[in-house]
Amino acid sequence: MKSEEKAEHGGTGFGTTGAIQVEKEKTSHGIVRSEDKAQHGGSGFATMGSIATEKELVTHGIIAPGTKIKEGPIDFSNDSVQEHIQKRIETKLDKTREGKARAWMEAVLGETFSEETFQDALKNGVRLCKALNIVYPQSVPKINKPGIVAVERENVGNYVKACARLGFNKSNLFESNDLFEGKNMTKVVENVYELAHFGSRSGWTGKD
């Protein structure tokens, strides 16, 4: 659109008096270019003088001469947020404490775990249930054989439910995914520490 003649714009938003020259370029909001003297007034704002902006997409309002559009922070995707949270959780994991929890479990169960990580050693739930049954007999009456993901998750769930019934600290009652997917091994380690605490009161110190 091009207008060489005098134009008047009025309304509650703004009013303009004077010659306006608008180049043919894509705009979305506001005024993008005026080479001639323009006067803008109204309840919203008042501007006097020529307005010249560079050829860049305008999204809101009027850009002052020489002003560059600054990009805002990039939005995190859901996956990025989860990854960020996971990294923060992992930084809290005390590897020394994890090693002691593992040593206690191995001693109580009378075996040395061949798995590289503590998570892999416990994720099917069998050893957790067995250790709990040693400290508190028959706490988990049925332990499923590993090999099927659904039944392994059930083992972990049954273990945590038994811990809740026995009065474990709620902060140490982890979710199945905390162990099965390694989302919060800190909670798992603290849970084993609490089991070791109860075990020591029952005579299971892990040194027998």
N, C-alpha and C. Protein backbone atom coordinates (compact mmCIF):
# COMPACT_ATOMS: atom_id res chain seq x y z
N MET A 1 0.85 -1.18 0.00
CA MET A 1 0.00 0.00 0.00
C MET A 1 0.89 1.22 0.00
N LYS A 2 0.56 2.23 -0.83
CA LYS A 2 1.37 3.44 -0.90
C LYS A 2 0.45 4.65 -0.93
N SER A 3 0.73 5.65 -0.08
CA SER A 3 -0.11 6.84 -0.01
C SER A 3 0.79 8.04 0.05
N GLU A 4 0.65 8.97 -0.94
CA GLU A 4 1.47 10.17 -0.98
C GLU A 4 0.74 11.37 -0.39
N GLU A 5 -0.57 11.24 -0.25
CA GLU A 5 -1.37 12.36 0.20
C GLU A 5 -1.50 12.37 1.72
N LYS A 6 -2.03 13.46 2.20
CA LYS A 6 -2.24 13.63 3.63
C LYS A 6 -3.24 12.61 4.13
N ALA A 7 -2.92 11.99 5.22
CA ALA A 7 -3.82 10.97 5.79
C ALA A 7 -4.04 11.28 7.25
N GLU A 8 -5.18 10.99 7.71
CA GLU A 8 -5.51 11.18 9.12
C GLU A 8 -6.02 9.88 9.68
N HIS A 9 -5.48 9.52 10.85
CA HIS A 9 -5.92 8.30 11.53
C HIS A 9 -6.30 8.70 12.95
N GLY A 10 -7.46 8.32 13.37
CA GLY A 10 -7.88 8.69 14.72
C GLY A 10 -8.51 7.52 15.43
N GLY A 11 -8.59 7.59 16.70
CA GLY A 11 -9.20 6.53 17.50
C GLY A 11 -8.59 6.52 18.87
N THR A 12 -9.08 5.60 19.68
CA THR A 12 -8.59 5.53 21.07
C THR A 12 -7.16 5.06 21.15
N GLY A 13 -6.72 4.29 20.12
CA GLY A 13 -5.36 3.77 20.20
C GLY A 13 -4.33 4.83 19.87
N PHE A 14 -4.45 5.49 18.72
CA PHE A 14 -3.52 6.55 18.35
C PHE A 14 -4.15 7.37 17.24
N GLY A 15 -3.56 8.54 16.99
CA GLY A 15 -3.99 9.37 15.88
C GLY A 15 -2.76 9.82 15.12
N THR A 16 -2.87 9.90 13.79
CA THR A 16 -1.72 10.26 12.97
C THR A 16 -2.12 11.35 12.00
N THR A 17 -1.33 12.39 11.91
CA THR A 17 -1.57 13.47 10.95
C THR A 17 -0.28 13.74 10.22
N GLY A 18 -0.35 13.80 8.90
CA GLY A 18 0.86 14.05 8.13
C GLY A 18 0.99 13.05 7.01
N ALA A 19 2.01 13.26 6.18
CA ALA A 19 2.21 12.36 5.05
C ALA A 19 2.80 11.05 5.54
N ILE A 20 2.31 9.94 5.00
CA ILE A 20 2.79 8.62 5.40
C ILE A 20 3.16 7.85 4.15
N GLN A 21 4.33 7.29 4.10
CA GLN A 21 4.75 6.48 2.98
C GLN A 21 5.12 5.11 3.52
N VAL A 22 4.42 4.10 3.03
CA VAL A 22 4.66 2.75 3.52
C VAL A 22 5.13 1.89 2.37
N GLU A 23 6.27 1.25 2.52
CA GLU A 23 6.77 0.39 1.47
C GLU A 23 6.02 -0.93 1.48
N LYS A 24 6.07 -1.61 0.34
CA LYS A 24 5.38 -2.88 0.23
C LYS A 24 6.25 -3.97 0.83
N GLU A 25 6.06 -4.25 2.07
CA GLU A 25 6.78 -5.31 2.73
C GLU A 25 5.86 -5.95 3.77
N LYS A 26 6.13 -7.16 4.08
CA LYS A 26 5.25 -7.91 4.96
C LYS A 26 5.31 -7.36 6.38
N THR A 27 4.18 -7.08 6.95
CA THR A 27 4.10 -6.63 8.33
C THR A 27 3.04 -7.42 9.04
N SER A 28 3.16 -7.47 10.38
CA SER A 28 2.14 -8.17 11.16
C SER A 28 1.42 -7.26 12.12
N HIS A 29 2.12 -6.25 12.68
CA HIS A 29 1.50 -5.32 13.61
C HIS A 29 2.20 -3.97 13.54
N GLY A 30 1.50 -2.91 13.79
CA GLY A 30 2.12 -1.60 13.98
C GLY A 30 2.58 -0.98 12.68
N ILE A 31 3.45 0.02 12.79
CA ILE A 31 3.97 0.77 11.66
C ILE A 31 5.40 0.34 11.45
N VAL A 32 5.78 0.02 10.21
CA VAL A 32 7.13 -0.47 9.98
C VAL A 32 8.04 0.54 9.31
N ARG A 33 7.48 1.42 8.44
CA ARG A 33 8.38 2.35 7.77
C ARG A 33 7.66 3.63 7.38
N SER A 34 8.26 4.75 7.64
CA SER A 34 7.73 6.04 7.20
C SER A 34 8.90 6.96 6.96
N GLU A 35 9.04 7.45 5.73
CA GLU A 35 10.17 8.30 5.39
C GLU A 35 9.88 9.78 5.67
N ASP A 36 8.59 10.16 5.61
CA ASP A 36 8.23 11.55 5.79
C ASP A 36 7.88 11.85 7.23
N LYS A 37 7.82 13.09 7.53
CA LYS A 37 7.49 13.51 8.87
C LYS A 37 6.09 13.05 9.24
N ALA A 38 5.98 12.45 10.39
CA ALA A 38 4.69 11.94 10.84
C ALA A 38 4.48 12.34 12.28
N GLN A 39 3.28 12.56 12.63
CA GLN A 39 2.92 12.88 14.01
C GLN A 39 1.91 11.85 14.47
N HIS A 40 2.20 11.26 15.61
CA HIS A 40 1.31 10.24 16.18
C HIS A 40 0.91 10.70 17.56
N GLY A 41 -0.35 10.69 17.82
CA GLY A 41 -0.79 11.11 19.15
C GLY A 41 -2.01 10.34 19.57
N GLY A 42 -2.29 10.31 20.81
CA GLY A 42 -3.46 9.61 21.32
C GLY A 42 -3.23 9.17 22.73
N SER A 43 -4.19 8.42 23.24
CA SER A 43 -4.10 8.00 24.63
C SER A 43 -3.00 6.99 24.86
N GLY A 44 -2.65 6.25 23.78
CA GLY A 44 -1.64 5.21 23.98
C GLY A 44 -0.23 5.77 23.99
N PHE A 45 0.11 6.64 23.04
CA PHE A 45 1.46 7.18 22.96
C PHE A 45 1.45 8.40 22.07
N ALA A 46 2.56 9.13 22.06
CA ALA A 46 2.71 10.27 21.15
C ALA A 46 4.12 10.26 20.62
N THR A 47 4.26 10.30 19.29
CA THR A 47 5.57 10.29 18.67
C THR A 47 5.62 11.34 17.59
N MET A 48 6.67 12.11 17.53
CA MET A 48 6.83 13.11 16.50
C MET A 48 8.16 12.90 15.81
N GLY A 49 8.15 13.02 14.50
CA GLY A 49 9.38 12.84 13.75
C GLY A 49 9.26 11.64 12.84
N SER A 50 10.25 11.45 12.00
CA SER A 50 10.20 10.33 11.07
C SER A 50 10.54 9.04 11.77
N ILE A 51 9.95 7.97 11.31
CA ILE A 51 10.19 6.64 11.88
C ILE A 51 10.79 5.80 10.78
N ALA A 52 11.94 5.23 11.02
CA ALA A 52 12.58 4.38 10.02
C ALA A 52 13.06 3.12 10.70
N THR A 53 12.60 1.98 10.24
CA THR A 53 13.05 0.71 10.81
C THR A 53 13.66 -0.11 9.71
N GLU A 54 14.55 -1.02 10.08
CA GLU A 54 15.16 -1.87 9.10
C GLU A 54 14.18 -2.92 8.64
N LYS A 55 14.46 -3.51 7.51
CA LYS A 55 13.55 -4.49 6.95
C LYS A 55 13.65 -5.80 7.73
N GLU A 56 12.89 -5.92 8.74
CA GLU A 56 12.82 -7.13 9.53
C GLU A 56 11.41 -7.28 10.04
N LEU A 57 11.01 -8.47 10.28
CA LEU A 57 9.64 -8.75 10.67
C LEU A 57 9.30 -8.10 11.98
N VAL A 58 8.23 -7.35 11.99
CA VAL A 58 7.77 -6.70 13.21
C VAL A 58 6.61 -7.50 13.74
N THR A 59 6.66 -7.84 15.02
CA THR A 59 5.61 -8.67 15.58
C THR A 59 4.67 -7.91 16.49
N HIS A 60 5.14 -6.90 17.20
CA HIS A 60 4.29 -6.17 18.14
C HIS A 60 4.71 -4.71 18.19
N GLY A 61 3.75 -3.83 18.21
CA GLY A 61 4.01 -2.43 18.50
C GLY A 61 4.87 -1.75 17.46
N ILE A 62 5.50 -0.66 17.88
CA ILE A 62 6.36 0.12 17.00
C ILE A 62 7.79 0.03 17.50
N ILE A 63 8.70 -0.26 16.58
CA ILE A 63 10.11 -0.38 16.93
C ILE A 63 10.78 0.97 16.77
N ALA A 64 11.48 1.41 17.79
CA ALA A 64 12.19 2.69 17.73
C ALA A 64 13.32 2.59 16.72
N PRO A 65 13.71 3.73 16.11
CA PRO A 65 14.79 3.73 15.13
C PRO A 65 16.06 3.12 15.68
N GLY A 66 16.66 2.22 14.88
CA GLY A 66 17.92 1.61 15.28
C GLY A 66 17.78 0.47 16.25
N THR A 67 16.56 0.18 16.71
CA THR A 67 16.36 -0.88 17.70
C THR A 67 16.37 -2.23 17.02
N LYS A 68 17.08 -3.17 17.61
CA LYS A 68 17.12 -4.53 17.12
C LYS A 68 16.21 -5.41 17.97
N ILE A 69 15.60 -6.37 17.33
CA ILE A 69 14.74 -7.30 18.07
C ILE A 69 15.64 -8.34 18.74
N LYS A 70 15.49 -8.45 20.03
CA LYS A 70 16.27 -9.43 20.78
C LYS A 70 15.46 -10.70 20.96
N GLU A 71 16.13 -11.82 20.73
CA GLU A 71 15.45 -13.09 20.91
C GLU A 71 15.40 -13.44 22.39
N GLY A 72 14.26 -14.00 22.81
CA GLY A 72 14.12 -14.41 24.20
C GLY A 72 14.77 -15.77 24.42
N PRO A 73 14.74 -16.25 25.65
CA PRO A 73 15.33 -17.55 25.93
C PRO A 73 14.60 -18.65 25.20
N ILE A 74 15.33 -19.64 24.75
CA ILE A 74 14.74 -20.76 24.04
C ILE A 74 13.94 -21.60 25.02
N ASP A 75 12.73 -21.96 24.65
CA ASP A 75 11.90 -22.78 25.52
C ASP A 75 12.45 -24.20 25.56
N PHE A 76 12.51 -24.75 26.77
CA PHE A 76 12.96 -26.13 26.91
C PHE A 76 11.84 -27.07 26.50
N SER A 77 12.17 -28.10 25.76
CA SER A 77 11.19 -29.13 25.48
C SER A 77 11.02 -29.96 26.74
N ASN A 78 9.97 -30.76 26.78
CA ASN A 78 9.72 -31.59 27.95
C ASN A 78 10.89 -32.53 28.20
N ASP A 79 11.45 -33.08 27.10
CA ASP A 79 12.59 -34.00 27.24
C ASP A 79 13.80 -33.28 27.83
N SER A 80 14.01 -32.04 27.41
CA SER A 80 15.15 -31.27 27.91
C SER A 80 15.01 -30.98 29.40
N VAL A 81 13.77 -30.66 29.82
CA VAL A 81 13.52 -30.40 31.23
C VAL A 81 13.79 -31.65 32.06
N GLN A 82 13.29 -32.79 31.59
CA GLN A 82 13.51 -34.04 32.31
C GLN A 82 14.98 -34.38 32.40
N GLU A 83 15.72 -34.13 31.31
CA GLU A 83 17.15 -34.40 31.30
C GLU A 83 17.86 -33.50 32.30
N HIS A 84 17.44 -32.24 32.36
CA HIS A 84 18.04 -31.29 33.30
C HIS A 84 17.79 -31.73 34.74
N ILE A 85 16.56 -32.13 35.04
CA ILE A 85 16.21 -32.60 36.39
C ILE A 85 17.00 -33.84 36.74
N GLN A 86 17.11 -34.76 35.78
CA GLN A 86 17.84 -36.00 36.02
C GLN A 86 19.29 -35.74 36.36
N LYS A 87 19.91 -34.79 35.65
CA LYS A 87 21.31 -34.46 35.92
C LYS A 87 21.47 -33.91 37.33
N ARG A 88 20.51 -33.09 37.77
CA ARG A 88 20.57 -32.54 39.12
C ARG A 88 20.43 -33.64 40.17
N ILE A 89 19.55 -34.61 39.88
CA ILE A 89 19.37 -35.73 40.81
C ILE A 89 20.65 -36.55 40.91
N GLU A 90 21.29 -36.79 39.73
CA GLU A 90 22.49 -37.61 39.71
C GLU A 90 23.64 -36.96 40.47
N THR A 91 23.68 -35.63 40.46
CA THR A 91 24.77 -34.95 41.16
C THR A 91 24.64 -35.12 42.68
N LYS A 92 23.44 -35.44 43.15
CA LYS A 92 23.23 -35.62 44.58
C LYS A 92 23.59 -37.04 45.04
N LEU A 93 23.76 -37.97 44.10
CA LEU A 93 24.03 -39.36 44.47
C LEU A 93 25.45 -39.49 45.03
N ASP A 94 25.51 -39.98 46.25
CA ASP A 94 26.78 -40.19 46.93
C ASP A 94 27.28 -41.59 46.57
N LYS A 95 28.30 -41.66 45.72
CA LYS A 95 28.80 -42.95 45.26
C LYS A 95 29.39 -43.78 46.40
N THR A 96 30.00 -43.11 47.37
CA THR A 96 30.55 -43.84 48.52
C THR A 96 29.42 -44.49 49.32
N ARG A 97 28.37 -43.72 49.53
CA ARG A 97 27.22 -44.25 50.26
C ARG A 97 26.56 -45.39 49.48
N GLU A 98 26.50 -45.23 48.17
CA GLU A 98 25.95 -46.29 47.31
C GLU A 98 26.79 -47.56 47.44
N GLY A 99 28.11 -47.40 47.46
CA GLY A 99 28.99 -48.56 47.59
C GLY A 99 28.79 -49.30 48.90
N LYS A 100 28.56 -48.55 49.99
CA LYS A 100 28.32 -49.18 51.30
C LYS A 100 26.98 -49.92 51.31
N ALA A 101 25.99 -49.34 50.66
CA ALA A 101 24.68 -49.99 50.58
C ALA A 101 24.79 -51.30 49.79
N ARG A 102 25.55 -51.24 48.72
CA ARG A 102 25.76 -52.45 47.92
C ARG A 102 26.48 -53.53 48.72
N ALA A 103 27.53 -53.12 49.44
CA ALA A 103 28.29 -54.09 50.24
C ALA A 103 27.41 -54.74 51.29
N TRP A 104 26.52 -53.95 51.91
CA TRP A 104 25.61 -54.50 52.92
C TRP A 104 24.66 -55.52 52.29
N MET A 105 24.11 -55.19 51.12
CA MET A 105 23.20 -56.10 50.44
C MET A 105 23.91 -57.41 50.08
N GLU A 106 25.12 -57.30 49.58
CA GLU A 106 25.86 -58.50 49.20
C GLU A 106 26.13 -59.38 50.42
N ALA A 107 26.47 -58.75 51.54
CA ALA A 107 26.77 -59.51 52.76
C ALA A 107 25.53 -60.20 53.31
N VAL A 108 24.41 -59.49 53.32
CA VAL A 108 23.17 -60.06 53.85
C VAL A 108 22.69 -61.22 52.98
N LEU A 109 22.81 -61.05 51.66
CA LEU A 109 22.33 -62.08 50.75
C LEU A 109 23.37 -63.19 50.52
N GLY A 110 24.61 -62.94 50.97
CA GLY A 110 25.66 -63.96 50.82
C GLY A 110 26.10 -64.16 49.38
N GLU A 111 26.14 -63.10 48.60
CA GLU A 111 26.58 -63.20 47.21
C GLU A 111 27.27 -61.91 46.78
N THR A 112 28.09 -62.04 45.77
CA THR A 112 28.74 -60.86 45.18
C THR A 112 28.04 -60.55 43.87
N PHE A 113 27.56 -59.35 43.73
CA PHE A 113 26.82 -58.99 42.53
C PHE A 113 27.77 -58.89 41.33
N SER A 114 27.37 -59.52 40.25
CA SER A 114 28.19 -59.47 39.03
C SER A 114 27.88 -58.24 38.18
N GLU A 115 26.73 -57.62 38.44
CA GLU A 115 26.33 -56.45 37.65
C GLU A 115 27.27 -55.27 37.91
N GLU A 116 27.47 -54.48 36.88
CA GLU A 116 28.38 -53.34 37.00
C GLU A 116 27.83 -52.25 37.91
N THR A 117 26.54 -51.98 37.84
CA THR A 117 25.95 -50.92 38.64
C THR A 117 25.00 -51.48 39.69
N PHE A 118 24.82 -50.70 40.73
CA PHE A 118 23.90 -51.07 41.81
C PHE A 118 22.47 -51.13 41.29
N GLN A 119 22.16 -50.23 40.37
CA GLN A 119 20.82 -50.22 39.77
C GLN A 119 20.54 -51.55 39.08
N ASP A 120 21.48 -51.99 38.24
CA ASP A 120 21.29 -53.25 37.52
C ASP A 120 21.18 -54.44 38.46
N ALA A 121 21.87 -54.36 39.58
CA ALA A 121 21.85 -55.46 40.54
C ALA A 121 20.49 -55.58 41.25
N LEU A 122 19.77 -54.45 41.33
CA LEU A 122 18.51 -54.45 42.10
C LEU A 122 17.25 -54.31 41.26
N LYS A 123 17.38 -53.90 39.99
CA LYS A 123 16.23 -53.44 39.22
C LYS A 123 15.11 -54.48 39.04
N ASN A 124 15.42 -55.77 39.07
CA ASN A 124 14.34 -56.75 38.92
C ASN A 124 13.59 -57.00 40.22
N GLY A 125 14.06 -56.39 41.31
CA GLY A 125 13.35 -56.45 42.57
C GLY A 125 13.56 -57.70 43.41
N VAL A 126 14.18 -58.75 42.83
CA VAL A 126 14.33 -60.02 43.53
C VAL A 126 15.20 -59.88 44.77
N ARG A 127 16.36 -59.26 44.62
CA ARG A 127 17.28 -59.13 45.77
C ARG A 127 16.71 -58.22 46.84
N LEU A 128 16.00 -57.18 46.45
CA LEU A 128 15.37 -56.32 47.44
C LEU A 128 14.37 -57.10 48.28
N CYS A 129 13.52 -57.87 47.60
CA CYS A 129 12.51 -58.65 48.32
C CYS A 129 13.16 -59.69 49.23
N LYS A 130 14.20 -60.34 48.74
CA LYS A 130 14.89 -61.35 49.55
C LYS A 130 15.53 -60.71 50.79
N ALA A 131 16.18 -59.56 50.61
CA ALA A 131 16.83 -58.88 51.74
C ALA A 131 15.78 -58.46 52.77
N LEU A 132 14.65 -57.94 52.30
CA LEU A 132 13.59 -57.53 53.22
C LEU A 132 13.04 -58.73 53.97
N ASN A 133 12.90 -59.86 53.29
CA ASN A 133 12.39 -61.06 53.95
C ASN A 133 13.36 -61.61 54.98
N ILE A 134 14.67 -61.35 54.79
CA ILE A 134 15.64 -61.77 55.78
C ILE A 134 15.51 -60.93 57.05
N VAL A 135 15.34 -59.64 56.86
CA VAL A 135 15.20 -58.73 58.00
C VAL A 135 13.82 -58.88 58.64
N TYR A 136 12.80 -58.93 57.82
CA TYR A 136 11.41 -59.09 58.28
C TYR A 136 10.79 -60.26 57.51
N PRO A 137 10.86 -61.47 58.07
CA PRO A 137 10.39 -62.67 57.36
C PRO A 137 8.95 -62.53 56.83
N GLN A 138 8.78 -63.05 55.61
CA GLN A 138 7.48 -63.09 54.94
C GLN A 138 6.88 -61.71 54.65
N SER A 139 7.71 -60.72 54.59
CA SER A 139 7.20 -59.39 54.25
C SER A 139 6.68 -59.36 52.81
N VAL A 140 7.38 -60.07 51.92
CA VAL A 140 6.93 -60.21 50.53
C VAL A 140 6.76 -61.70 50.27
N PRO A 141 5.56 -62.23 50.44
CA PRO A 141 5.32 -63.67 50.35
C PRO A 141 5.68 -64.28 48.98
N LYS A 142 5.42 -63.53 47.92
CA LYS A 142 5.66 -64.05 46.58
C LYS A 142 6.66 -63.16 45.84
N ILE A 143 7.73 -63.81 45.37
CA ILE A 143 8.73 -63.09 44.58
C ILE A 143 8.73 -63.68 43.17
N ASN A 144 8.44 -62.86 42.20
CA ASN A 144 8.37 -63.32 40.82
C ASN A 144 9.77 -63.58 40.25
N LYS A 145 9.86 -64.58 39.39
CA LYS A 145 11.12 -64.85 38.71
C LYS A 145 11.40 -63.74 37.69
N PRO A 146 12.64 -63.31 37.60
CA PRO A 146 12.96 -62.22 36.65
C PRO A 146 12.92 -62.72 35.21
N GLY A 147 12.88 -61.77 34.30
CA GLY A 147 12.88 -62.12 32.89
C GLY A 147 11.80 -61.40 32.10
N ILE A 148 10.71 -61.07 32.80
CA ILE A 148 9.61 -60.33 32.17
C ILE A 148 9.49 -58.99 32.87
N VAL A 149 9.50 -57.93 32.08
CA VAL A 149 9.52 -56.58 32.65
C VAL A 149 8.36 -56.35 33.62
N ALA A 150 7.16 -56.79 33.25
CA ALA A 150 5.97 -56.56 34.08
C ALA A 150 6.12 -57.17 35.47
N VAL A 151 6.63 -58.39 35.52
CA VAL A 151 6.75 -59.06 36.83
C VAL A 151 7.92 -58.50 37.63
N GLU A 152 8.95 -58.01 36.93
CA GLU A 152 10.06 -57.37 37.64
C GLU A 152 9.60 -56.07 38.30
N ARG A 153 8.81 -55.32 37.55
CA ARG A 153 8.24 -54.09 38.13
C ARG A 153 7.33 -54.43 39.31
N GLU A 154 6.63 -55.54 39.20
CA GLU A 154 5.74 -55.96 40.30
C GLU A 154 6.54 -56.29 41.55
N ASN A 155 7.68 -56.93 41.36
CA ASN A 155 8.55 -57.22 42.51
C ASN A 155 8.95 -55.94 43.24
N VAL A 156 9.38 -54.95 42.45
CA VAL A 156 9.80 -53.67 43.03
C VAL A 156 8.62 -53.02 43.75
N GLY A 157 7.45 -53.03 43.10
CA GLY A 157 6.27 -52.44 43.72
C GLY A 157 5.89 -53.13 45.01
N ASN A 158 5.95 -54.47 45.02
CA ASN A 158 5.61 -55.22 46.23
C ASN A 158 6.61 -54.95 47.36
N TYR A 159 7.87 -54.75 46.98
CA TYR A 159 8.88 -54.42 47.98
C TYR A 159 8.58 -53.07 48.62
N VAL A 160 8.31 -52.07 47.80
CA VAL A 160 8.06 -50.73 48.32
C VAL A 160 6.79 -50.71 49.19
N LYS A 161 5.76 -51.43 48.76
CA LYS A 161 4.52 -51.50 49.56
C LYS A 161 4.79 -52.14 50.92
N ALA A 162 5.62 -53.17 50.93
CA ALA A 162 5.97 -53.83 52.19
C ALA A 162 6.74 -52.87 53.10
N CYS A 163 7.64 -52.10 52.50
CA CYS A 163 8.39 -51.11 53.29
C CYS A 163 7.45 -50.10 53.93
N ALA A 164 6.43 -49.70 53.18
CA ALA A 164 5.45 -48.74 53.70
C ALA A 164 4.69 -49.33 54.89
N ARG A 165 4.31 -50.58 54.77
CA ARG A 165 3.59 -51.25 55.86
C ARG A 165 4.45 -51.37 57.10
N LEU A 166 5.75 -51.54 56.90
CA LEU A 166 6.68 -51.71 58.02
C LEU A 166 7.10 -50.40 58.65
N GLY A 167 6.63 -49.29 58.11
CA GLY A 167 6.90 -48.00 58.72
C GLY A 167 8.16 -47.29 58.26
N PHE A 168 8.65 -47.61 57.06
CA PHE A 168 9.80 -46.90 56.52
C PHE A 168 9.47 -45.42 56.35
N ASN A 169 10.49 -44.59 56.44
CA ASN A 169 10.31 -43.16 56.23
C ASN A 169 9.73 -42.93 54.83
N LYS A 170 8.69 -42.12 54.75
CA LYS A 170 8.02 -41.88 53.46
C LYS A 170 8.97 -41.31 52.41
N SER A 171 9.94 -40.54 52.84
CA SER A 171 10.88 -39.95 51.89
C SER A 171 11.76 -41.00 51.22
N ASN A 172 11.80 -42.20 51.80
CA ASN A 172 12.61 -43.28 51.24
C ASN A 172 11.78 -44.32 50.50
N LEU A 173 10.49 -44.03 50.31
CA LEU A 173 9.63 -44.95 49.57
C LEU A 173 9.63 -44.53 48.10
N PHE A 174 10.58 -45.06 47.36
CA PHE A 174 10.77 -44.66 45.97
C PHE A 174 9.71 -45.25 45.05
N GLU A 175 9.61 -44.66 43.87
CA GLU A 175 8.74 -45.18 42.82
C GLU A 175 9.49 -46.26 42.04
N SER A 176 8.72 -47.16 41.41
CA SER A 176 9.35 -48.24 40.64
C SER A 176 10.33 -47.71 39.60
N ASN A 177 9.95 -46.62 38.90
CA ASN A 177 10.82 -46.06 37.87
C ASN A 177 12.09 -45.44 38.43
N ASP A 178 12.06 -45.05 39.72
CA ASP A 178 13.28 -44.52 40.33
C ASP A 178 14.40 -45.54 40.28
N LEU A 179 14.02 -46.81 40.43
CA LEU A 179 15.00 -47.89 40.36
C LEU A 179 15.05 -48.49 38.96
N PHE A 180 13.90 -48.87 38.43
CA PHE A 180 13.87 -49.62 37.18
C PHE A 180 14.47 -48.83 36.03
N GLU A 181 14.24 -47.53 36.00
CA GLU A 181 14.78 -46.70 34.93
C GLU A 181 15.93 -45.81 35.43
N GLY A 182 16.31 -45.98 36.69
CA GLY A 182 17.42 -45.22 37.24
C GLY A 182 17.15 -43.73 37.38
N LYS A 183 15.89 -43.36 37.58
CA LYS A 183 15.54 -41.94 37.64
C LYS A 183 15.93 -41.27 38.95
N ASN A 184 16.02 -42.05 40.03
CA ASN A 184 16.40 -41.45 41.31
C ASN A 184 17.03 -42.52 42.20
N MET A 185 18.28 -42.85 41.90
CA MET A 185 18.97 -43.87 42.68
C MET A 185 19.32 -43.39 44.08
N THR A 186 19.30 -42.08 44.27
CA THR A 186 19.55 -41.56 45.62
C THR A 186 18.51 -42.08 46.60
N LYS A 187 17.24 -42.05 46.18
CA LYS A 187 16.17 -42.54 47.04
C LYS A 187 16.31 -44.04 47.30
N VAL A 188 16.71 -44.78 46.26
CA VAL A 188 16.88 -46.22 46.40
C VAL A 188 17.98 -46.52 47.41
N VAL A 189 19.10 -45.80 47.30
CA VAL A 189 20.21 -46.01 48.23
C VAL A 189 19.79 -45.68 49.66
N GLU A 190 19.07 -44.59 49.83
CA GLU A 190 18.62 -44.22 51.18
C GLU A 190 17.64 -45.25 51.73
N ASN A 191 16.85 -45.83 50.86
CA ASN A 191 15.92 -46.90 51.29
C ASN A 191 16.69 -48.11 51.80
N VAL A 192 17.74 -48.50 51.06
CA VAL A 192 18.57 -49.64 51.48
C VAL A 192 19.27 -49.33 52.80
N TYR A 193 19.68 -48.08 52.98
CA TYR A 193 20.29 -47.69 54.26
C TYR A 193 19.31 -47.86 55.41
N GLU A 194 18.05 -47.50 55.14
CA GLU A 194 17.05 -47.66 56.21
C GLU A 194 16.81 -49.14 56.48
N LEU A 195 16.80 -49.95 55.41
CA LEU A 195 16.67 -51.39 55.59
C LEU A 195 17.84 -51.94 56.40
N ALA A 196 19.03 -51.44 56.11
CA ALA A 196 20.21 -51.87 56.87
C ALA A 196 20.10 -51.46 58.33
N HIS A 197 19.52 -50.28 58.58
CA HIS A 197 19.32 -49.82 59.96
C HIS A 197 18.39 -50.75 60.72
N PHE A 198 17.27 -51.09 60.08
CA PHE A 198 16.35 -52.04 60.72
C PHE A 198 17.00 -53.41 60.87
N GLY A 199 17.82 -53.76 59.85
CA GLY A 199 18.49 -55.06 59.90
C GLY A 199 19.47 -55.15 61.05
N SER A 200 20.17 -54.06 61.34
CA SER A 200 21.14 -54.07 62.44
C SER A 200 20.45 -54.26 63.78
N ARG A 201 19.23 -53.72 63.88
CA ARG A 201 18.46 -53.90 65.13
C ARG A 201 17.98 -55.33 65.28
N SER A 202 17.87 -56.03 64.13
CA SER A 202 17.43 -57.42 64.18
C SER A 202 18.60 -58.39 64.17
N GLY A 203 19.81 -57.84 64.15
CA GLY A 203 20.99 -58.70 64.18
C GLY A 203 21.63 -58.92 62.83
N TRP A 204 21.04 -58.33 61.77
CA TRP A 204 21.60 -58.50 60.43
C TRP A 204 22.47 -57.27 60.11
N THR A 205 23.70 -57.34 60.49
CA THR A 205 24.61 -56.22 60.29
C THR A 205 25.31 -56.26 58.95
N GLY A 206 25.22 -57.40 58.28
CA GLY A 206 25.93 -57.54 57.01
C GLY A 206 27.34 -58.04 57.19
N LYS A 207 27.71 -58.42 58.40
CA LYS A 207 29.06 -58.90 58.67
C LYS A 207 29.08 -60.41 58.95
N ASP A 208 27.92 -61.01 58.97
CA ASP A 208 27.86 -62.45 59.27
C ASP A 208 28.19 -63.29 58.05
